[in-house]
N, C-alpha and C. Protein backbone atom coordinates (compact mmCIF):
# COMPACT_ATOMS: atom_id res chain seq x y z
N MET A 1 0.88 -1.09 -0.04
CA MET A 1 -0.01 -0.06 0.05
C MET A 1 0.92 1.36 0.06
N ALA A 2 0.60 2.22 -0.93
CA ALA A 2 1.36 3.42 -1.03
C ALA A 2 1.21 4.35 0.30
N LYS A 3 2.23 5.03 0.58
CA LYS A 3 2.00 5.93 1.77
C LYS A 3 1.29 7.23 1.37
N LYS A 4 0.53 7.62 2.32
CA LYS A 4 -0.20 8.92 2.06
C LYS A 4 0.62 10.10 2.23
N LYS A 5 0.61 11.06 1.42
CA LYS A 5 1.43 12.22 1.58
C LYS A 5 0.65 13.36 2.28
N VAL A 6 1.02 13.87 3.31
CA VAL A 6 0.24 15.02 3.89
C VAL A 6 0.89 16.28 3.71
N VAL A 7 0.15 17.10 2.99
CA VAL A 7 0.53 18.56 2.70
C VAL A 7 -0.19 19.55 3.58
N LYS A 8 0.60 20.21 4.40
CA LYS A 8 -0.13 21.21 5.32
C LYS A 8 -0.05 22.63 4.59
N LEU A 9 -1.11 23.27 4.53
CA LEU A 9 -1.36 24.53 4.09
C LEU A 9 -1.38 25.47 5.28
N GLN A 10 -0.33 26.52 5.28
CA GLN A 10 -0.45 27.41 6.40
C GLN A 10 -0.64 28.86 5.81
N LEU A 11 -1.80 29.25 6.21
CA LEU A 11 -2.08 30.63 5.75
C LEU A 11 -1.63 31.63 6.75
N ASP A 12 -1.13 32.76 6.28
CA ASP A 12 -0.69 33.91 7.20
C ASP A 12 -1.78 35.19 6.95
N ASN A 13 -2.34 35.61 7.95
CA ASN A 13 -3.18 36.65 7.86
C ASN A 13 -2.26 38.02 7.64
N ASP A 14 -3.02 39.01 6.97
CA ASP A 14 -2.44 40.22 6.58
C ASP A 14 -2.47 41.20 7.67
N TYR A 15 -1.38 41.44 8.53
CA TYR A 15 -1.51 42.31 9.75
C TYR A 15 -0.79 43.61 9.26
N ASP A 16 -1.12 44.09 8.14
CA ASP A 16 -0.58 45.33 7.52
C ASP A 16 -1.54 46.46 7.78
N PHE A 17 -1.42 46.97 9.36
CA PHE A 17 -2.13 48.10 9.62
C PHE A 17 -1.66 48.73 10.82
N VAL A 18 -2.05 49.75 11.36
CA VAL A 18 -1.60 50.71 12.35
C VAL A 18 -2.67 50.14 13.41
N LEU A 19 -2.13 49.89 14.67
CA LEU A 19 -2.96 49.60 15.85
C LEU A 19 -2.57 50.39 17.04
N LEU A 20 -3.43 51.25 17.53
CA LEU A 20 -3.26 52.06 18.63
C LEU A 20 -4.20 51.82 19.90
N GLY A 21 -3.68 51.69 21.06
CA GLY A 21 -4.50 51.41 22.23
C GLY A 21 -4.82 52.82 22.87
N LEU A 22 -6.08 53.05 23.20
CA LEU A 22 -6.50 54.28 23.86
C LEU A 22 -7.05 54.19 25.32
N VAL A 23 -6.72 55.02 26.11
CA VAL A 23 -7.20 54.91 27.56
C VAL A 23 -8.11 56.19 27.59
N SER A 24 -9.42 55.87 28.09
CA SER A 24 -10.41 57.02 28.28
C SER A 24 -11.52 56.52 29.10
N THR A 25 -12.03 57.35 29.97
CA THR A 25 -13.18 57.14 30.93
C THR A 25 -14.24 57.45 30.14
N ALA A 26 -14.29 57.99 29.05
CA ALA A 26 -15.58 58.36 28.28
C ALA A 26 -16.13 57.26 27.78
N LYS A 27 -17.41 57.35 27.41
CA LYS A 27 -18.24 56.33 26.50
C LYS A 27 -17.63 56.26 25.29
N ASP A 28 -17.88 55.08 24.51
CA ASP A 28 -17.39 54.82 23.11
C ASP A 28 -17.86 55.94 22.17
N TYR A 29 -19.13 56.22 22.22
CA TYR A 29 -19.88 57.15 21.26
C TYR A 29 -19.22 58.52 21.35
N ARG A 30 -18.78 58.92 22.81
CA ARG A 30 -17.95 60.29 22.83
C ARG A 30 -16.52 60.32 22.26
N VAL A 31 -15.82 59.10 22.46
CA VAL A 31 -14.63 59.03 21.88
C VAL A 31 -14.71 59.07 20.27
N CYS A 32 -15.68 58.34 19.80
CA CYS A 32 -15.93 58.32 18.34
C CYS A 32 -16.32 59.74 17.81
N HIS A 33 -17.02 60.28 18.45
CA HIS A 33 -17.33 61.81 18.13
C HIS A 33 -16.13 62.74 18.00
N LEU A 34 -15.22 62.38 19.10
CA LEU A 34 -13.94 63.26 19.16
C LEU A 34 -12.97 62.94 17.91
N LEU A 35 -12.96 61.58 17.54
CA LEU A 35 -12.15 61.10 16.58
C LEU A 35 -12.69 61.65 15.30
N ASN A 36 -14.08 61.58 15.03
CA ASN A 36 -14.54 62.17 13.91
C ASN A 36 -14.28 63.61 13.65
N LYS A 37 -14.33 64.44 14.85
CA LYS A 37 -14.00 65.83 14.64
C LYS A 37 -12.63 66.12 14.24
N MET A 38 -11.64 65.36 15.01
CA MET A 38 -10.26 65.63 14.92
C MET A 38 -9.68 65.15 13.50
N PHE A 39 -10.23 64.19 13.05
CA PHE A 39 -9.62 63.58 11.91
C PHE A 39 -10.46 63.63 10.57
N GLU A 40 -11.43 64.21 10.70
CA GLU A 40 -12.71 64.44 9.69
C GLU A 40 -13.00 62.94 9.17
N LEU A 41 -13.41 62.27 10.19
CA LEU A 41 -13.99 60.82 9.88
C LEU A 41 -15.47 60.97 9.98
N ASP A 42 -16.05 59.79 9.73
CA ASP A 42 -17.58 59.59 9.95
C ASP A 42 -17.72 58.16 10.50
N LEU A 43 -17.03 57.96 11.59
CA LEU A 43 -17.09 56.56 12.32
C LEU A 43 -18.54 56.37 12.55
N CYS A 44 -19.18 55.10 12.06
CA CYS A 44 -20.51 54.83 12.36
C CYS A 44 -20.64 53.43 13.18
N LYS A 45 -21.53 53.37 14.10
CA LYS A 45 -21.76 52.14 14.82
C LYS A 45 -22.09 50.95 13.91
N GLY A 46 -21.37 49.91 14.12
CA GLY A 46 -21.72 48.77 13.36
C GLY A 46 -22.24 47.67 14.24
N ASP A 47 -22.46 46.44 13.73
CA ASP A 47 -22.73 45.32 14.74
C ASP A 47 -21.80 45.05 15.65
N ASP A 48 -22.03 44.74 16.83
CA ASP A 48 -20.93 44.35 17.82
C ASP A 48 -20.02 43.31 17.31
N ILE A 49 -18.88 43.22 17.73
CA ILE A 49 -17.94 42.04 17.34
C ILE A 49 -18.17 40.96 18.53
N SER A 50 -18.51 39.76 18.00
CA SER A 50 -18.62 38.61 18.99
C SER A 50 -17.58 37.70 18.97
N ILE A 51 -16.92 37.40 20.15
CA ILE A 51 -15.70 36.67 20.21
C ILE A 51 -15.98 35.53 21.24
N THR A 52 -15.70 34.11 20.80
CA THR A 52 -15.92 33.04 21.59
C THR A 52 -14.64 32.99 22.57
N ILE A 53 -15.03 32.92 23.83
CA ILE A 53 -13.90 33.05 24.88
C ILE A 53 -13.62 31.70 25.49
N ASN A 54 -14.27 30.64 25.29
CA ASN A 54 -13.83 29.35 25.84
C ASN A 54 -14.35 28.23 25.01
N LYS A 55 -14.02 27.04 25.55
CA LYS A 55 -14.58 25.74 24.75
C LYS A 55 -15.99 25.58 24.78
N LYS A 56 -16.63 26.09 25.79
CA LYS A 56 -18.10 25.90 26.03
C LYS A 56 -18.89 26.73 25.12
N GLY A 57 -18.32 27.61 24.27
CA GLY A 57 -18.91 28.34 23.30
C GLY A 57 -19.49 29.73 23.82
N ASN A 58 -19.03 30.02 25.19
CA ASN A 58 -19.53 31.37 25.65
C ASN A 58 -18.79 32.38 24.89
N SER A 59 -19.69 33.57 24.49
CA SER A 59 -19.07 34.67 23.73
C SER A 59 -19.07 35.86 24.39
N ASN A 60 -18.36 36.94 23.95
CA ASN A 60 -18.37 38.45 24.58
C ASN A 60 -18.56 39.21 23.43
N GLN A 61 -19.32 40.33 23.73
CA GLN A 61 -19.59 41.28 22.63
C GLN A 61 -18.72 42.70 23.04
N PHE A 62 -18.25 43.19 21.61
CA PHE A 62 -17.39 44.51 21.88
C PHE A 62 -17.90 45.39 20.82
N SER A 63 -18.18 46.56 21.34
CA SER A 63 -18.72 47.65 20.36
C SER A 63 -17.78 48.05 19.33
N TYR A 64 -18.29 48.37 18.19
CA TYR A 64 -17.46 48.43 16.93
C TYR A 64 -17.96 49.59 16.11
N TYR A 65 -17.06 50.44 15.59
CA TYR A 65 -17.49 51.52 14.76
C TYR A 65 -16.43 51.48 13.50
N ASP A 66 -16.94 51.80 12.27
CA ASP A 66 -16.00 51.81 11.08
C ASP A 66 -16.35 52.85 10.14
N PHE A 67 -15.26 53.25 9.35
CA PHE A 67 -15.39 54.26 8.32
C PHE A 67 -14.34 54.08 7.28
N VAL A 68 -14.78 54.19 5.96
CA VAL A 68 -13.86 54.04 4.81
C VAL A 68 -13.92 55.39 4.16
N ASN A 69 -12.58 56.13 4.11
CA ASN A 69 -12.69 57.40 3.36
C ASN A 69 -12.61 57.26 1.83
N GLU A 70 -12.48 58.29 1.10
CA GLU A 70 -12.46 58.26 -0.41
C GLU A 70 -11.03 57.82 -0.82
N ASP A 71 -10.08 57.85 0.03
CA ASP A 71 -8.62 57.26 -0.25
C ASP A 71 -8.60 55.78 0.00
N HIS A 72 -9.75 55.18 0.42
CA HIS A 72 -9.83 53.80 0.81
C HIS A 72 -9.14 53.49 2.17
N GLU A 73 -8.89 54.44 2.88
CA GLU A 73 -8.30 54.28 4.24
C GLU A 73 -9.44 53.69 5.01
N GLU A 74 -9.20 52.62 5.84
CA GLU A 74 -10.23 52.13 6.65
C GLU A 74 -9.74 52.38 8.13
N PHE A 75 -10.85 52.85 8.84
CA PHE A 75 -10.70 53.19 10.23
C PHE A 75 -11.69 52.23 11.00
N TYR A 76 -11.23 51.62 12.12
CA TYR A 76 -12.07 50.69 13.02
C TYR A 76 -11.75 51.16 14.41
N PHE A 77 -12.87 51.44 14.94
CA PHE A 77 -12.89 51.71 16.58
C PHE A 77 -13.45 50.55 17.31
N ILE A 78 -12.69 49.96 18.33
CA ILE A 78 -13.23 48.74 18.88
C ILE A 78 -13.03 49.02 20.53
N SER A 79 -14.17 48.66 21.18
CA SER A 79 -14.10 48.67 22.52
C SER A 79 -13.19 47.35 22.92
N ASN A 80 -12.35 47.61 23.98
CA ASN A 80 -11.69 46.50 24.53
C ASN A 80 -12.30 45.80 25.80
N LYS A 81 -13.26 46.43 26.25
CA LYS A 81 -14.08 45.94 27.65
C LYS A 81 -15.34 45.14 27.15
N GLY A 82 -15.33 43.86 27.43
CA GLY A 82 -16.56 43.09 27.39
C GLY A 82 -17.06 42.86 28.82
N LYS A 83 -18.23 42.07 28.88
CA LYS A 83 -18.83 41.75 30.28
C LYS A 83 -17.80 40.89 31.08
N THR A 84 -16.99 39.91 30.39
CA THR A 84 -16.30 39.12 31.21
C THR A 84 -14.87 39.08 30.85
N THR A 85 -14.48 39.71 29.71
CA THR A 85 -13.04 39.56 29.20
C THR A 85 -12.80 40.75 28.37
N SER A 86 -11.49 40.82 27.91
CA SER A 86 -11.06 41.94 27.10
C SER A 86 -10.94 41.36 25.56
N PHE A 87 -11.17 42.38 24.70
CA PHE A 87 -10.98 42.08 23.27
C PHE A 87 -9.56 41.62 22.91
N ILE A 88 -8.59 42.34 23.57
CA ILE A 88 -7.23 42.10 23.44
C ILE A 88 -6.73 41.73 24.88
N PRO A 89 -6.74 40.46 25.40
CA PRO A 89 -6.53 40.29 26.90
C PRO A 89 -5.09 40.66 27.22
N GLU A 90 -4.13 40.73 26.34
CA GLU A 90 -2.76 41.28 26.69
C GLU A 90 -2.84 42.72 27.16
N TYR A 91 -3.78 43.47 26.83
CA TYR A 91 -3.83 44.87 27.07
C TYR A 91 -5.15 45.22 27.85
N LYS A 92 -5.47 44.57 29.02
CA LYS A 92 -6.75 44.72 29.68
C LYS A 92 -6.85 46.14 30.27
N LEU A 93 -5.87 46.87 30.45
CA LEU A 93 -5.88 48.27 30.97
C LEU A 93 -6.41 49.30 29.91
N LEU A 94 -6.19 48.94 28.67
CA LEU A 94 -6.72 49.72 27.58
C LEU A 94 -8.29 49.81 27.52
N ASP A 95 -8.86 50.91 27.04
CA ASP A 95 -10.30 50.88 26.94
C ASP A 95 -10.83 50.74 25.45
N TYR A 96 -10.00 51.16 24.54
CA TYR A 96 -10.36 51.16 23.11
C TYR A 96 -9.08 50.82 22.13
N PHE A 97 -9.38 50.42 20.93
CA PHE A 97 -8.44 50.40 20.12
C PHE A 97 -8.90 51.10 18.63
N LEU A 98 -7.83 51.69 18.16
CA LEU A 98 -8.04 52.36 16.87
C LEU A 98 -7.07 51.64 15.79
N LEU A 99 -7.80 51.09 14.77
CA LEU A 99 -7.09 50.24 13.78
C LEU A 99 -7.18 51.04 12.40
N VAL A 100 -6.26 51.30 11.77
CA VAL A 100 -6.24 51.91 10.53
C VAL A 100 -5.47 50.98 9.54
N LYS A 101 -6.28 50.83 8.40
CA LYS A 101 -5.74 49.95 7.30
C LYS A 101 -5.57 50.73 6.03
N ASN A 102 -4.59 50.49 5.19
CA ASN A 102 -4.51 51.18 3.92
C ASN A 102 -4.18 52.66 4.03
N GLN A 103 -3.32 52.88 5.13
CA GLN A 103 -3.07 54.24 5.49
C GLN A 103 -2.29 54.86 4.22
N VAL A 104 -2.71 56.09 3.93
CA VAL A 104 -2.04 56.94 2.73
C VAL A 104 -0.81 57.45 3.18
N SER A 105 -0.76 58.16 4.42
CA SER A 105 0.33 58.87 4.93
C SER A 105 1.24 57.90 5.53
N PRO A 106 2.61 57.97 5.14
CA PRO A 106 3.58 57.13 6.02
C PRO A 106 3.63 57.47 7.45
N ASN A 107 3.39 58.72 7.81
CA ASN A 107 3.40 59.08 9.11
C ASN A 107 2.02 58.98 9.81
N CYS A 108 1.11 58.20 9.32
CA CYS A 108 -0.25 58.09 9.90
C CYS A 108 -0.20 57.91 11.44
N GLU A 109 0.57 56.94 11.89
CA GLU A 109 0.54 56.53 13.31
C GLU A 109 1.01 57.66 14.19
N ASN A 110 2.14 58.38 13.76
CA ASN A 110 2.62 59.50 14.56
C ASN A 110 1.68 60.73 14.56
N GLU A 111 1.07 61.01 13.38
CA GLU A 111 0.20 62.05 13.27
C GLU A 111 -0.98 61.85 14.35
N ILE A 112 -1.62 60.64 14.24
CA ILE A 112 -2.66 60.42 15.22
C ILE A 112 -2.27 60.38 16.65
N LEU A 113 -1.17 59.77 16.89
CA LEU A 113 -0.60 59.83 18.37
C LEU A 113 -0.42 61.34 19.00
N GLU A 114 0.11 62.18 18.02
CA GLU A 114 0.30 63.61 18.39
C GLU A 114 -0.79 64.35 18.76
N LYS A 115 -1.89 64.11 17.73
CA LYS A 115 -3.16 64.73 17.95
C LYS A 115 -3.82 64.44 19.28
N LEU A 116 -3.98 63.00 19.52
CA LEU A 116 -4.59 62.56 20.51
C LEU A 116 -3.90 62.77 21.93
N LYS A 117 -2.68 62.86 21.95
CA LYS A 117 -1.98 63.16 23.20
C LYS A 117 -2.40 64.50 23.68
N GLY A 118 -2.74 65.43 23.05
CA GLY A 118 -3.01 66.67 23.49
C GLY A 118 -4.40 66.77 23.90
N ASN A 119 -5.27 65.88 23.80
CA ASN A 119 -6.73 66.08 24.06
C ASN A 119 -7.13 65.47 25.57
N SER A 120 -7.83 66.18 26.24
CA SER A 120 -8.16 66.02 27.61
C SER A 120 -9.20 64.68 27.78
N LEU A 121 -9.79 64.31 26.59
CA LEU A 121 -10.84 63.14 26.87
C LEU A 121 -9.96 62.02 26.65
N ILE A 122 -8.77 61.91 26.19
CA ILE A 122 -7.95 60.73 25.92
C ILE A 122 -6.78 60.79 27.01
N LEU A 123 -6.86 59.83 28.02
CA LEU A 123 -5.78 59.88 29.01
C LEU A 123 -4.45 59.23 28.58
N GLY A 124 -4.47 58.47 27.64
CA GLY A 124 -3.36 57.93 27.00
C GLY A 124 -3.54 57.23 25.71
N VAL A 125 -2.50 57.24 24.83
CA VAL A 125 -2.64 56.52 23.61
C VAL A 125 -1.18 55.96 23.41
N TYR A 126 -1.27 54.60 22.88
CA TYR A 126 -0.19 53.76 22.83
C TYR A 126 -0.13 53.05 21.42
N PRO A 127 1.27 53.02 20.88
CA PRO A 127 1.19 52.23 19.62
C PRO A 127 1.35 50.76 20.18
N ILE A 128 0.85 49.91 19.30
CA ILE A 128 0.85 48.45 19.63
C ILE A 128 1.47 47.67 18.44
N ASN A 129 2.54 46.85 18.76
CA ASN A 129 3.07 46.09 17.71
C ASN A 129 2.13 44.55 17.59
N VAL A 130 1.38 44.49 16.58
CA VAL A 130 0.59 43.30 16.47
C VAL A 130 1.19 42.04 16.47
N PHE A 131 2.22 42.00 15.96
CA PHE A 131 3.08 40.65 15.95
C PHE A 131 3.36 40.06 17.34
N GLU A 132 3.36 40.96 18.27
CA GLU A 132 3.72 40.64 19.67
C GLU A 132 2.39 39.92 20.51
N LEU A 133 1.27 40.13 19.78
CA LEU A 133 0.02 39.91 20.41
C LEU A 133 -0.27 38.39 20.20
N LYS A 134 -0.62 37.51 21.21
CA LYS A 134 -1.09 36.23 21.08
C LYS A 134 -2.44 36.31 20.46
N SER A 135 -3.25 37.17 20.81
CA SER A 135 -4.70 37.19 20.40
C SER A 135 -4.87 38.14 19.21
N ARG A 136 -3.92 38.19 18.33
CA ARG A 136 -3.94 39.17 17.17
C ARG A 136 -4.97 38.66 16.09
N ASP A 137 -5.43 37.47 16.16
CA ASP A 137 -6.49 36.87 15.26
C ASP A 137 -7.76 37.56 15.70
N ASN A 138 -8.00 38.07 16.72
CA ASN A 138 -9.22 38.89 17.06
C ASN A 138 -9.39 40.17 16.21
N LEU A 139 -8.23 40.53 15.73
CA LEU A 139 -8.15 41.79 14.82
C LEU A 139 -8.63 41.55 13.40
N MET A 140 -8.83 40.18 13.01
CA MET A 140 -9.25 39.78 11.55
C MET A 140 -10.58 39.67 11.62
N PHE A 141 -11.28 40.77 11.25
CA PHE A 141 -12.85 40.71 11.29
C PHE A 141 -13.34 41.23 9.87
């Protein structure tokens, strides 16, 4: 009998985006309003993101806002706080994430960081290296 040859296909996700963590005591809609004003966006509430958190099938919901501009830059604003867990457990102390795909400006991350640091509604803003996250697959939605 001939041996069966097993070929494994490994797919890599495309993590080509800017990810920033935000700390704020404000509600998600207030922070979105601020982002809309500061960066001329139109972040709109989408369906909450649901993530299965254990083998029993329990899931958690995270609020989600998105916007795509005429340059095809994609902006996503995601809450990090669910009822029982965090969207990105490695950063439990962060309240929100701002994810930017297809950024036109090479200095996009620095521009956003500098503008947000000067705002009283945002207590802290931090760049995040996606490749260091164990839960980076949560960002593929």
